[in-house]
Amino acid sequence: MFGDMMNMMGKLKETQKKVEDTKKRLDTVLVDETSNDEKLKITLTANRTIKSITIADDLLDDKEQLEDYLILTLNKAIEKATSINDAELAAVAKEGMPNIPGMDMFK
């Protein structure tokens, strides 16, 4: 039994390292989102760090419209990045979780 516990602890430490490595890798995964009319483009990492924002000149003339574009496009980009982030981290966590009856967290 003690050997099983040590094995499980080793596997959890290995999984933790893989999760950290995956988080670092997700800093290099870029997610692009563009407004429907392509007047605004946002690029962020899968860890939801904004890398760039490109704004069409005509949007700069209308503050309210620009704000609306930023809110809509940023929310779509964040949603997309979060989906990628969650899927990647869940896959790593599921791979490294010991098989404990009643603890099937990732179906």
C-alpha atoms as a PDB file:
ATOM      1  CA  MET A   1       0.000   0.000   0.000  1.00  0.00           C
ATOM      2  CA  PHE A   2       2.829   2.412   0.857  1.00  0.00           C
ATOM      3  CA  GLY A   3       4.366   1.716  -2.560  1.00  0.00           C
ATOM      4  CA  ASP A   4       1.047   2.545  -4.215  1.00  0.00           C
ATOM      5  CA  MET A   5       0.915   5.862  -2.347  1.00  0.00           C
ATOM      6  CA  MET A   6       4.470   6.715  -3.377  1.00  0.00           C
ATOM      7  CA  ASN A   7       3.687   5.781  -6.970  1.00  0.00           C
ATOM      8  CA  MET A   8       0.546   7.937  -6.895  1.00  0.00           C
ATOM      9  CA  MET A   9       2.456  10.891  -5.420  1.00  0.00           C
ATOM     10  CA  GLY A  10       5.119  10.538  -8.094  1.00  0.00           C
ATOM     11  CA  LYS A  11       2.459  10.485 -10.790  1.00  0.00           C
ATOM     12  CA  LEU A  12       0.807  13.596  -9.331  1.00  0.00           C
ATOM     13  CA  LYS A  13       4.155  15.457  -9.295  1.00  0.00           C
ATOM     14  CA  GLU A  14       4.731  14.400 -12.903  1.00  0.00           C
ATOM     15  CA  THR A  15       1.263  15.624 -13.845  1.00  0.00           C
ATOM     16  CA  GLN A  16       1.879  18.929 -12.083  1.00  0.00           C
ATOM     17  CA  LYS A  17       5.061  19.401 -14.144  1.00  0.00           C
ATOM     18  CA  LYS A  18       3.144  18.592 -17.338  1.00  0.00           C
ATOM     19  CA  VAL A  19       0.455  21.135 -16.414  1.00  0.00           C
ATOM     20  CA  GLU A  20       3.114  23.816 -15.857  1.00  0.00           C
ATOM     21  CA  ASP A  21       4.780  22.925 -19.182  1.00  0.00           C
ATOM     22  CA  THR A  22       1.402  23.103 -20.925  1.00  0.00           C
ATOM     23  CA  LYS A  23       0.722  26.542 -19.426  1.00  0.00           C
ATOM     24  CA  LYS A  24       4.084  27.758 -20.745  1.00  0.00           C
ATOM     25  CA  ARG A  25       3.324  26.287 -24.174  1.00  0.00           C
ATOM     26  CA  LEU A  26      -0.083  27.991 -24.215  1.00  0.00           C
ATOM     27  CA  ASP A  27       1.742  31.328 -23.977  1.00  0.00           C
ATOM     28  CA  THR A  28       2.943  30.624 -27.527  1.00  0.00           C
ATOM     29  CA  VAL A  29      -0.447  29.568 -28.925  1.00  0.00           C
ATOM     30  CA  LEU A  30      -1.990  32.623 -30.600  1.00  0.00           C
ATOM     31  CA  VAL A  31      -5.726  33.132 -30.991  1.00  0.00           C
ATOM     32  CA  ASP A  32      -7.018  35.643 -33.544  1.00  0.00           C
ATOM     33  CA  GLU A  33     -10.473  37.163 -33.488  1.00  0.00           C
ATOM     34  CA  THR A  34     -11.779  39.653 -36.014  1.00  0.00           C
ATOM     35  CA  SER A  35     -14.967  41.685 -36.024  1.00  0.00           C
ATOM     36  CA  ASN A  36     -17.528  40.632 -38.632  1.00  0.00           C
ATOM     37  CA  ASP A  37     -16.601  43.540 -40.909  1.00  0.00           C
ATOM     38  CA  GLU A  38     -12.873  43.096 -40.212  1.00  0.00           C
ATOM     39  CA  LYS A  39     -12.481  46.616 -38.790  1.00  0.00           C
ATOM     40  CA  LEU A  40     -11.009  45.265 -35.565  1.00  0.00           C
ATOM     41  CA  LYS A  41      -8.573  42.394 -35.061  1.00  0.00           C
ATOM     42  CA  ILE A  42      -7.391  41.093 -31.705  1.00  0.00           C
ATOM     43  CA  THR A  43      -4.637  38.559 -31.090  1.00  0.00           C
ATOM     44  CA  LEU A  44      -4.106  36.977 -27.707  1.00  0.00           C
ATOM     45  CA  THR A  45      -2.445  33.891 -26.291  1.00  0.00           C
ATOM     46  CA  ALA A  46      -4.353  30.815 -25.183  1.00  0.00           C
ATOM     47  CA  ASN A  47      -3.497  32.022 -21.664  1.00  0.00           C
ATOM     48  CA  ARG A  48      -5.560  35.153 -22.443  1.00  0.00           C
ATOM     49  CA  THR A  49      -2.747  37.698 -22.700  1.00  0.00           C
ATOM     50  CA  ILE A  50      -3.472  40.332 -25.351  1.00  0.00           C
ATOM     51  CA  LYS A  51      -0.659  40.492 -27.910  1.00  0.00           C
ATOM     52  CA  SER A  52      -2.062  42.961 -30.449  1.00  0.00           C
ATOM     53  CA  ILE A  53      -5.075  45.035 -31.402  1.00  0.00           C
ATOM     54  CA  THR A  54      -5.512  46.394 -34.923  1.00  0.00           C
ATOM     55  CA  ILE A  55      -8.168  49.080 -35.434  1.00  0.00           C
ATOM     56  CA  ALA A  56      -9.439  50.461 -38.752  1.00  0.00           C
ATOM     57  CA  ASP A  57      -9.004  54.232 -39.010  1.00  0.00           C
ATOM     58  CA  ASP A  58     -12.727  54.940 -39.386  1.00  0.00           C
ATOM     59  CA  LEU A  59     -13.431  53.331 -35.995  1.00  0.00           C
ATOM     60  CA  LEU A  60     -11.234  55.954 -34.344  1.00  0.00           C
ATOM     61  CA  ASP A  61     -13.798  58.643 -35.240  1.00  0.00           C
ATOM     62  CA  ASP A  62     -16.576  57.097 -33.140  1.00  0.00           C
ATOM     63  CA  LYS A  63     -15.670  56.385 -29.527  1.00  0.00           C
ATOM     64  CA  GLU A  64     -18.895  54.524 -28.683  1.00  0.00           C
ATOM     65  CA  GLN A  65     -18.681  52.332 -31.753  1.00  0.00           C
ATOM     66  CA  LEU A  66     -15.042  51.494 -31.008  1.00  0.00           C
ATOM     67  CA  GLU A  67     -15.938  50.596 -27.432  1.00  0.00           C
ATOM     68  CA  ASP A  68     -18.714  48.286 -28.680  1.00  0.00           C
ATOM     69  CA  TYR A  69     -16.353  46.635 -31.165  1.00  0.00           C
ATOM     70  CA  LEU A  70     -13.723  46.122 -28.465  1.00  0.00           C
ATOM     71  CA  ILE A  71     -16.187  44.570 -26.032  1.00  0.00           C
ATOM     72  CA  LEU A  72     -17.695  42.182 -28.581  1.00  0.00           C
ATOM     73  CA  THR A  73     -14.446  41.134 -30.209  1.00  0.00           C
ATOM     74  CA  LEU A  74     -12.478  40.828 -26.967  1.00  0.00           C
ATOM     75  CA  ASN A  75     -15.210  38.683 -25.420  1.00  0.00           C
ATOM     76  CA  LYS A  76     -15.218  36.355 -28.446  1.00  0.00           C
ATOM     77  CA  ALA A  77     -11.413  36.132 -28.385  1.00  0.00           C
ATOM     78  CA  ILE A  78     -11.324  35.437 -24.640  1.00  0.00           C
ATOM     79  CA  GLU A  79     -14.012  32.770 -25.011  1.00  0.00           C
ATOM     80  CA  LYS A  80     -12.040  31.070 -27.792  1.00  0.00           C
ATOM     81  CA  ALA A  81      -8.757  31.239 -25.830  1.00  0.00           C
ATOM     82  CA  THR A  82     -10.433  29.936 -22.679  1.00  0.00           C
ATOM     83  CA  SER A  83     -11.867  26.986 -24.586  1.00  0.00           C
ATOM     84  CA  ILE A  84      -8.411  26.059 -25.919  1.00  0.00           C
ATOM     85  CA  ASN A  85      -6.828  26.568 -22.488  1.00  0.00           C
ATOM     86  CA  ASP A  86      -9.433  24.478 -20.671  1.00  0.00           C
ATOM     87  CA  ALA A  87      -9.251  21.633 -23.195  1.00  0.00           C
ATOM     88  CA  GLU A  88      -5.443  21.470 -23.123  1.00  0.00           C
ATOM     89  CA  LEU A  89      -5.168  21.555 -19.334  1.00  0.00           C
ATOM     90  CA  ALA A  90      -8.012  19.058 -18.857  1.00  0.00           C
ATOM     91  CA  ALA A  91      -6.327  16.624 -21.236  1.00  0.00           C
ATOM     92  CA  VAL A  92      -3.046  16.818 -19.303  1.00  0.00           C
ATOM     93  CA  ALA A  93      -4.802  16.513 -15.940  1.00  0.00           C
ATOM     94  CA  LYS A  94      -6.927  13.567 -17.059  1.00  0.00           C
ATOM     95  CA  GLU A  95      -3.864  11.766 -18.409  1.00  0.00           C
ATOM     96  CA  GLY A  96      -2.079  12.073 -15.080  1.00  0.00           C
ATOM     97  CA  MET A  97      -4.879  11.404 -12.632  1.00  0.00           C
ATOM     98  CA  PRO A  98      -4.710   8.130 -10.743  1.00  0.00           C
ATOM     99  CA  ASN A  99      -7.722   5.852 -11.118  1.00  0.00           C
ATOM    100  CA  ILE A 100      -9.538   6.435  -7.822  1.00  0.00           C
ATOM    101  CA  PRO A 101     -13.054   4.960  -7.652  1.00  0.00           C
ATOM    102  CA  GLY A 102     -15.705   7.637  -7.345  1.00  0.00           C
ATOM    103  CA  MET A 103     -13.346  10.394  -8.460  1.00  0.00           C
ATOM    104  CA  ASP A 104     -14.099  10.468 -12.182  1.00  0.00           C
ATOM    105  CA  MET A 105     -13.827  14.259 -12.564  1.00  0.00           C
ATOM    106  CA  PHE A 106     -13.109  14.310 -16.303  1.00  0.00           C
ATOM    107  CA  LYS A 107     -15.683  12.510 -18.403  1.00  0.00           C
END
